[in-house]
C-alpha atoms as a PDB file:
ATOM      1  CA  MET A   1      17.760 -29.201  11.546  1.00  0.00           C
ATOM      2  CA  SER A   2      20.146 -26.964  13.474  1.00  0.00           C
ATOM      3  CA  ASN A   3      19.799 -23.201  13.314  1.00  0.00           C
ATOM      4  CA  LYS A   4      23.379 -22.322  14.106  1.00  0.00           C
ATOM      5  CA  LYS A   5      23.889 -18.554  14.440  1.00  0.00           C
ATOM      6  CA  ILE A   6      26.989 -16.982  12.927  1.00  0.00           C
ATOM      7  CA  ASN A   7      27.861 -13.503  14.183  1.00  0.00           C
ATOM      8  CA  LEU A   8      28.810 -11.165  11.344  1.00  0.00           C
ATOM      9  CA  SER A   9      30.087  -8.711  13.995  1.00  0.00           C
ATOM     10  CA  SER A  10      28.028  -5.689  12.943  1.00  0.00           C
ATOM     11  CA  LYS A  11      24.639  -4.595  11.671  1.00  0.00           C
ATOM     12  CA  SER A  12      23.461  -7.054   9.051  1.00  0.00           C
ATOM     13  CA  ILE A  13      22.135  -6.150   5.635  1.00  0.00           C
ATOM     14  CA  TYR A  14      20.293  -8.563   3.361  1.00  0.00           C
ATOM     15  CA  HIS A  15      19.884  -9.258  -0.322  1.00  0.00           C
ATOM     16  CA  TYR A  16      16.521 -11.020  -0.642  1.00  0.00           C
ATOM     17  CA  THR A  17      15.898 -13.268  -3.610  1.00  0.00           C
ATOM     18  CA  LYS A  18      13.866 -16.082  -5.106  1.00  0.00           C
ATOM     19  CA  GLY A  19      14.884 -19.733  -5.235  1.00  0.00           C
ATOM     20  CA  TYR A  20      15.024 -19.686  -9.021  1.00  0.00           C
ATOM     21  CA  SER A  21      17.720 -16.976  -8.786  1.00  0.00           C
ATOM     22  CA  VAL A  22      19.789 -18.621  -6.046  1.00  0.00           C
ATOM     23  CA  GLU A  23      21.034 -21.463  -8.234  1.00  0.00           C
ATOM     24  CA  GLY A  24      22.658 -19.029 -10.694  1.00  0.00           C
ATOM     25  CA  ILE A  25      24.123 -16.914  -7.882  1.00  0.00           C
ATOM     26  CA  LEU A  26      25.708 -19.975  -6.296  1.00  0.00           C
ATOM     27  CA  ARG A  27      27.089 -21.210  -9.611  1.00  0.00           C
ATOM     28  CA  ASP A  28      28.492 -17.748 -10.505  1.00  0.00           C
ATOM     29  CA  GLY A  29      29.824 -17.063  -7.016  1.00  0.00           C
ATOM     30  CA  PHE A  30      28.418 -13.524  -7.006  1.00  0.00           C
ATOM     31  CA  ILE A  31      25.193 -11.491  -7.066  1.00  0.00           C
ATOM     32  CA  LYS A  32      24.816  -9.575 -10.329  1.00  0.00           C
ATOM     33  CA  ILE A  33      23.794  -5.947 -10.515  1.00  0.00           C
ATOM     34  CA  GLU A  34      20.135  -5.404 -11.433  1.00  0.00           C
ATOM     35  CA  GLY A  35      19.427  -5.505 -15.129  1.00  0.00           C
ATOM     36  CA  ASN A  36      22.118  -8.183 -15.555  1.00  0.00           C
ATOM     37  CA  SER A  37      20.142 -10.873 -13.769  1.00  0.00           C
ATOM     38  CA  GLY A  38      16.696 -12.262 -13.130  1.00  0.00           C
ATOM     39  CA  ARG A  39      13.599 -11.667 -15.209  1.00  0.00           C
ATOM     40  CA  ALA A  40      13.386  -7.912 -15.580  1.00  0.00           C
ATOM     41  CA  PHE A  41      10.522  -6.787 -17.819  1.00  0.00           C
ATOM     42  CA  CYS A  42      11.779  -3.222 -18.141  1.00  0.00           C
ATOM     43  CA  ARG A  43      15.095  -1.430 -17.881  1.00  0.00           C
ATOM     44  CA  PRO A  44      15.836  -0.631 -14.216  1.00  0.00           C
ATOM     45  CA  SER A  45      16.333   2.967 -13.069  1.00  0.00           C
ATOM     46  CA  THR A  46      19.630   2.095 -11.398  1.00  0.00           C
ATOM     47  CA  SER A  47      22.453  -0.427 -11.789  1.00  0.00           C
ATOM     48  CA  PHE A  48      23.270  -1.750  -8.332  1.00  0.00           C
ATOM     49  CA  VAL A  49      23.017  -4.794  -6.139  1.00  0.00           C
ATOM     50  CA  TRP A  50      20.374  -3.793  -3.579  1.00  0.00           C
ATOM     51  CA  PHE A  51      20.302  -4.650   0.119  1.00  0.00           C
ATOM     52  CA  THR A  52      18.136  -3.693   3.058  1.00  0.00           C
ATOM     53  CA  GLN A  53      18.454  -3.608   6.825  1.00  0.00           C
ATOM     54  CA  LYS A  54      14.872  -4.863   6.995  1.00  0.00           C
ATOM     55  CA  GLY A  55      14.670  -8.274   8.634  1.00  0.00           C
ATOM     56  CA  SER A  56      11.784  -9.455   6.463  1.00  0.00           C
ATOM     57  CA  TYR A  57      11.368  -9.813   2.711  1.00  0.00           C
ATOM     58  CA  PRO A  58      10.705  -6.354   1.230  1.00  0.00           C
ATOM     59  CA  ILE A  59       7.319  -5.937  -0.440  1.00  0.00           C
ATOM     60  CA  CYS A  60       8.942  -3.995  -3.278  1.00  0.00           C
ATOM     61  CA  ALA A  61      11.142  -7.040  -4.050  1.00  0.00           C
ATOM     62  CA  LEU A  62       8.262  -9.529  -4.308  1.00  0.00           C
ATOM     63  CA  PRO A  63       7.971 -11.200  -7.702  1.00  0.00           C
ATOM     64  CA  PHE A  64       4.679 -10.358  -9.422  1.00  0.00           C
ATOM     65  CA  ILE A  65       2.630 -13.543  -9.855  1.00  0.00           C
ATOM     66  CA  PRO A  66      -0.828 -12.694 -11.239  1.00  0.00           C
ATOM     67  CA  GLN A  67      -2.654 -15.563  -9.519  1.00  0.00           C
ATOM     68  CA  LEU A  68      -1.237 -14.532  -6.109  1.00  0.00           C
ATOM     69  CA  LYS A  69      -2.902 -11.189  -5.347  1.00  0.00           C
ATOM     70  CA  TYR A  70      -0.622 -10.482  -2.382  1.00  0.00           C
ATOM     71  CA  THR A  71       2.312 -10.154  -4.815  1.00  0.00           C
ATOM     72  CA  GLN A  72       0.715  -7.066  -6.420  1.00  0.00           C
ATOM     73  CA  MET A  73       2.557  -4.201  -4.767  1.00  0.00           C
ATOM     74  CA  ASP A  74      -0.282  -1.671  -4.948  1.00  0.00           C
ATOM     75  CA  ASN A  75      -2.351  -3.991  -2.735  1.00  0.00           C
ATOM     76  CA  HIS A  76       0.123  -3.148   0.056  1.00  0.00           C
ATOM     77  CA  PHE A  77      -0.347   0.619  -0.127  1.00  0.00           C
ATOM     78  CA  GLY A  78      -3.627   0.873   1.760  1.00  0.00           C
ATOM     79  CA  VAL A  79      -4.565   0.746   5.417  1.00  0.00           C
ATOM     80  CA  VAL A  80      -5.574  -2.909   5.098  1.00  0.00           C
ATOM     81  CA  ARG A  81      -2.685  -4.905   3.675  1.00  0.00           C
ATOM     82  CA  PRO A  82      -2.840  -8.518   2.520  1.00  0.00           C
ATOM     83  CA  SER A  83      -0.938 -11.151   4.447  1.00  0.00           C
ATOM     84  CA  ILE A  84       1.615 -13.093   2.461  1.00  0.00           C
ATOM     85  CA  ASN A  85       1.453 -16.868   2.306  1.00  0.00           C
ATOM     86  CA  TRP A  86       5.209 -17.493   2.335  1.00  0.00           C
ATOM     87  CA  LYS A  87       4.835 -21.268   2.046  1.00  0.00           C
ATOM     88  CA  GLU A  88       2.655 -20.945  -1.062  1.00  0.00           C
ATOM     89  CA  LEU A  89       4.929 -18.303  -2.582  1.00  0.00           C
ATOM     90  CA  GLY A  90       8.000 -20.416  -1.859  1.00  0.00           C
ATOM     91  CA  GLU A  91       6.467 -23.385  -3.650  1.00  0.00           C
ATOM     92  CA  VAL A  92       5.991 -21.241  -6.755  1.00  0.00           C
ATOM     93  CA  ILE A  93       9.412 -19.569  -6.839  1.00  0.00           C
ATOM     94  CA  GLY A  94      11.676 -22.318  -5.467  1.00  0.00           C
ATOM     95  CA  GLY A  95      11.841 -20.954  -1.944  1.00  0.00           C
ATOM     96  CA  VAL A  96      12.326 -17.613  -0.187  1.00  0.00           C
ATOM     97  CA  PHE A  97      16.009 -16.814   0.410  1.00  0.00           C
ATOM     98  CA  ARG A  98      18.350 -14.067   1.494  1.00  0.00           C
ATOM     99  CA  PHE A  99      22.083 -13.452   1.595  1.00  0.00           C
ATOM    100  CA  GLU A 100      23.270 -11.812   4.811  1.00  0.00           C
ATOM    101  CA  PHE A 101      26.268  -9.468   4.726  1.00  0.00           C
ATOM    102  CA  SER A 102      27.788  -7.052   7.213  1.00  0.00           C
ATOM    103  CA  GLY A 103      26.918  -3.372   6.925  1.00  0.00           C
ATOM    104  CA  ARG A 104      30.636  -2.776   7.526  1.00  0.00           C
ATOM    105  CA  ASP A 105      31.521  -4.522   4.263  1.00  0.00           C
ATOM    106  CA  ASP A 106      33.514  -1.950   2.280  1.00  0.00           C
ATOM    107  CA  ARG A 107      31.783  -2.995  -0.952  1.00  0.00           C
ATOM    108  CA  VAL A 108      28.458  -1.451   0.115  1.00  0.00           C
ATOM    109  CA  GLU A 109      27.180   1.979   1.057  1.00  0.00           C
ATOM    110  CA  LYS A 110      23.978   3.263   2.563  1.00  0.00           C
ATOM    111  CA  TRP A 111      21.575   4.428  -0.152  1.00  0.00           C
ATOM    112  CA  THR A 112      20.621   7.678   1.594  1.00  0.00           C
ATOM    113  CA  LYS A 113      24.302   8.648   1.915  1.00  0.00           C
ATOM    114  CA  SER A 114      25.324   7.615  -1.603  1.00  0.00           C
ATOM    115  CA  SER A 115      26.660  10.121  -4.111  1.00  0.00           C
ATOM    116  CA  PHE A 116      24.377   8.589  -6.764  1.00  0.00           C
ATOM    117  CA  ARG A 117      21.282   9.464  -4.741  1.00  0.00           C
ATOM    118  CA  SER A 118      22.472  12.978  -3.922  1.00  0.00           C
ATOM    119  CA  LYS A 119      23.164  13.657  -7.615  1.00  0.00           C
ATOM    120  CA  ASN A 120      19.865  12.144  -8.793  1.00  0.00           C
ATOM    121  CA  ILE A 121      17.375  13.001  -6.052  1.00  0.00           C
ATOM    122  CA  SER A 122      15.423  15.258  -8.434  1.00  0.00           C
ATOM    123  CA  ASN A 123      15.078  12.397 -10.949  1.00  0.00           C
ATOM    124  CA  LYS A 124      11.416  11.329 -11.134  1.00  0.00           C
ATOM    125  CA  LYS A 125      12.299   7.615 -11.311  1.00  0.00           C
ATOM    126  CA  ILE A 126      14.398   7.847  -8.159  1.00  0.00           C
ATOM    127  CA  GLN A 127      11.630   9.765  -6.391  1.00  0.00           C
ATOM    128  CA  GLN A 128       9.142   7.090  -7.482  1.00  0.00           C
ATOM    129  CA  LEU A 129      11.457   4.326  -6.251  1.00  0.00           C
ATOM    130  CA  GLU A 130      11.652   5.898  -2.798  1.00  0.00           C
ATOM    131  CA  MET A 131       7.962   6.785  -2.624  1.00  0.00           C
ATOM    132  CA  THR A 132       7.001   3.212  -3.551  1.00  0.00           C
ATOM    133  CA  ALA A 133       9.356   1.734  -0.951  1.00  0.00           C
ATOM    134  CA  ASN A 134       8.047   4.066   1.746  1.00  0.00           C
ATOM    135  CA  ARG A 135       4.388   3.395   0.929  1.00  0.00           C
ATOM    136  CA  ALA A 136       5.059  -0.354   1.120  1.00  0.00           C
ATOM    137  CA  GLU A 137       6.754   0.227   4.502  1.00  0.00           C
ATOM    138  CA  ASP A 138      10.104  -1.012   3.147  1.00  0.00           C
ATOM    139  CA  TYR A 139      11.529   2.494   3.642  1.00  0.00           C
ATOM    140  CA  ALA A 140      14.294   3.817   1.429  1.00  0.00           C
ATOM    141  CA  SER A 141      16.261   4.710   4.567  1.00  0.00           C
ATOM    142  CA  ASN A 142      16.816   0.950   5.051  1.00  0.00           C
ATOM    143  CA  PHE A 143      18.444   0.492   1.631  1.00  0.00           C
ATOM    144  CA  TRP A 144      22.104  -0.185   0.886  1.00  0.00           C
ATOM    145  CA  ILE A 145      23.784  -0.583  -2.506  1.00  0.00           C
ATOM    146  CA  ALA A 146      26.834  -2.146  -4.119  1.00  0.00           C
ATOM    147  CA  HIS A 147      28.063  -0.597  -7.354  1.00  0.00           C
ATOM    148  CA  LYS A 148      29.596  -3.840  -8.639  1.00  0.00           C
ATOM    149  CA  GLU A 149      28.760  -7.525  -8.614  1.00  0.00           C
ATOM    150  CA  MET A 150      28.809  -8.771  -5.032  1.00  0.00           C
ATOM    151  CA  ALA A 151      31.099 -11.779  -4.616  1.00  0.00           C
ATOM    152  CA  LEU A 152      29.925 -14.340  -2.075  1.00  0.00           C
ATOM    153  CA  ILE A 153      32.557 -13.703   0.561  1.00  0.00           C
ATOM    154  CA  LYS A 154      32.008 -13.114   4.270  1.00  0.00           C
ATOM    155  CA  CYS A 155      28.270 -13.806   4.014  1.00  0.00           C
ATOM    156  CA  LYS A 156      25.612 -16.406   4.705  1.00  0.00           C
ATOM    157  CA  LEU A 157      22.758 -17.869   2.680  1.00  0.00           C
ATOM    158  CA  GLN A 158      19.495 -18.309   4.582  1.00  0.00           C
ATOM    159  CA  LYS A 159      16.096 -19.770   3.708  1.00  0.00           C
ATOM    160  CA  TYR A 160      12.733 -18.841   5.222  1.00  0.00           C
ATOM    161  CA  ILE A 161      11.251 -22.062   6.612  1.00  0.00           C
ATOM    162  CA  ASP A 162       8.204 -22.292   8.879  1.00  0.00           C
ATOM    163  CA  GLY A 163       8.406 -18.668   9.960  1.00  0.00           C
ATOM    164  CA  ILE A 164      12.135 -18.443  10.718  1.00  0.00           C
ATOM    165  CA  TRP A 165      15.309 -17.781   8.745  1.00  0.00           C
ATOM    166  CA  ILE A 166      17.549 -20.856   8.701  1.00  0.00           C
ATOM    167  CA  ASP A 167      21.279 -20.582   8.010  1.00  0.00           C
ATOM    168  CA  LEU A 168      22.157 -22.916   5.124  1.00  0.00           C
ATOM    169  CA  LEU A 169      25.643 -21.969   3.973  1.00  0.00           C
ATOM    170  CA  LYS A 170      28.417 -19.655   5.138  1.00  0.00           C
ATOM    171  CA  PHE A 171      31.004 -18.206   2.745  1.00  0.00           C
ATOM    172  CA  ASP A 172      34.391 -17.281   4.210  1.00  0.00           C
ATOM    173  CA  GLU A 173      36.699 -14.428   3.151  1.00  0.00           C
ATOM    174  CA  PHE A 174      37.950 -16.532   0.232  1.00  0.00           C
ATOM    175  CA  GLY A 175      34.493 -17.578  -0.970  1.00  0.00           C
ATOM    176  CA  PHE A 176      34.821 -21.140   0.275  1.00  0.00           C
ATOM    177  CA  VAL A 177      31.592 -22.715   1.494  1.00  0.00           C
ATOM    178  CA  GLU A 178      31.022 -23.956   5.011  1.00  0.00           C
ATOM    179  CA  GLU A 179      27.863 -26.037   5.342  1.00  0.00           C
ATOM    180  CA  LEU A 180      25.959 -25.013   8.461  1.00  0.00           C
ATOM    181  CA  THR A 181      23.064 -27.460   8.502  1.00  0.00           C
ATOM    182  CA  ASN A 182      22.241 -30.911   7.201  1.00  0.00           C
ATOM    183  CA  TYR A 183      22.244 -29.464   3.663  1.00  0.00           C
ATOM    184  CA  THR A 184      25.138 -29.610   1.205  1.00  0.00           C
ATOM    185  CA  LEU A 185      25.664 -27.081  -1.591  1.00  0.00           C
ATOM    186  CA  ASP A 186      24.146 -29.587  -4.034  1.00  0.00           C
ATOM    187  CA  ASP A 187      21.119 -30.001  -1.738  1.00  0.00           C
ATOM    188  CA  VAL A 188      20.542 -26.231  -1.763  1.00  0.00           C
ATOM    189  CA  ILE A 189      20.752 -26.091  -5.563  1.00  0.00           C
ATOM    190  CA  SER A 190      18.270 -28.995  -5.851  1.00  0.00           C
ATOM    191  CA  MET A 191      15.961 -27.220  -3.399  1.00  0.00           C
ATOM    192  CA  CYS A 192      15.931 -24.130  -5.616  1.00  0.00           C
ATOM    193  CA  GLN A 193      14.988 -26.182  -8.667  1.00  0.00           C
ATOM    194  CA  GLU A 194      11.787 -27.449  -7.033  1.00  0.00           C
ATOM    195  CA  ARG A 195       9.214 -24.877  -8.094  1.00  0.00           C
ATOM    196  CA  LEU A 196       5.944 -24.524  -9.945  1.00  0.00           C
ATOM    197  CA  CYS A 197       7.034 -21.729 -12.281  1.00  0.00           C
ATOM    198  CA  ALA A 198       9.729 -22.209 -14.924  1.00  0.00           C
END
């Protein structure tokens, strides 16, 4: 499998997600704002698409799977932190994926410079969000947000395989797909459907 690198010409930001979410994103052609997607068990404190500069999957974005103790976020707050078995987790959730965008994309803004944060910094839920991210070493200063659904243009889809991020698909400025590896769009969708949880 080739690991062809595509230069996005500036600092990259990532939207990390689970395989069982990727299929819907690819079919829709955009990433939904939180609360309008996924399997949220409570109303979110904000309504954004979230990104991070962090090059690895954020702890605060891990899905909680009771039988996998390393997915419990509070286990990552101490001095001794559990290691994550990415292969095992990927088998449960249909793979570990991320969408890579440019930090120069005019649809996003840095969280710490956003007007929403400056207006709501005294809000307890926002303070908790940042404290949790910082304790998990995800750091709120790495966060970026989009206020609207994020169309899949000028981005790449990557999958974490054997310790490295592999480019699977590239989306051009019109949202057309360029296949970067031996996988087709249908192959990627099938890959996401192979999981242990429904």
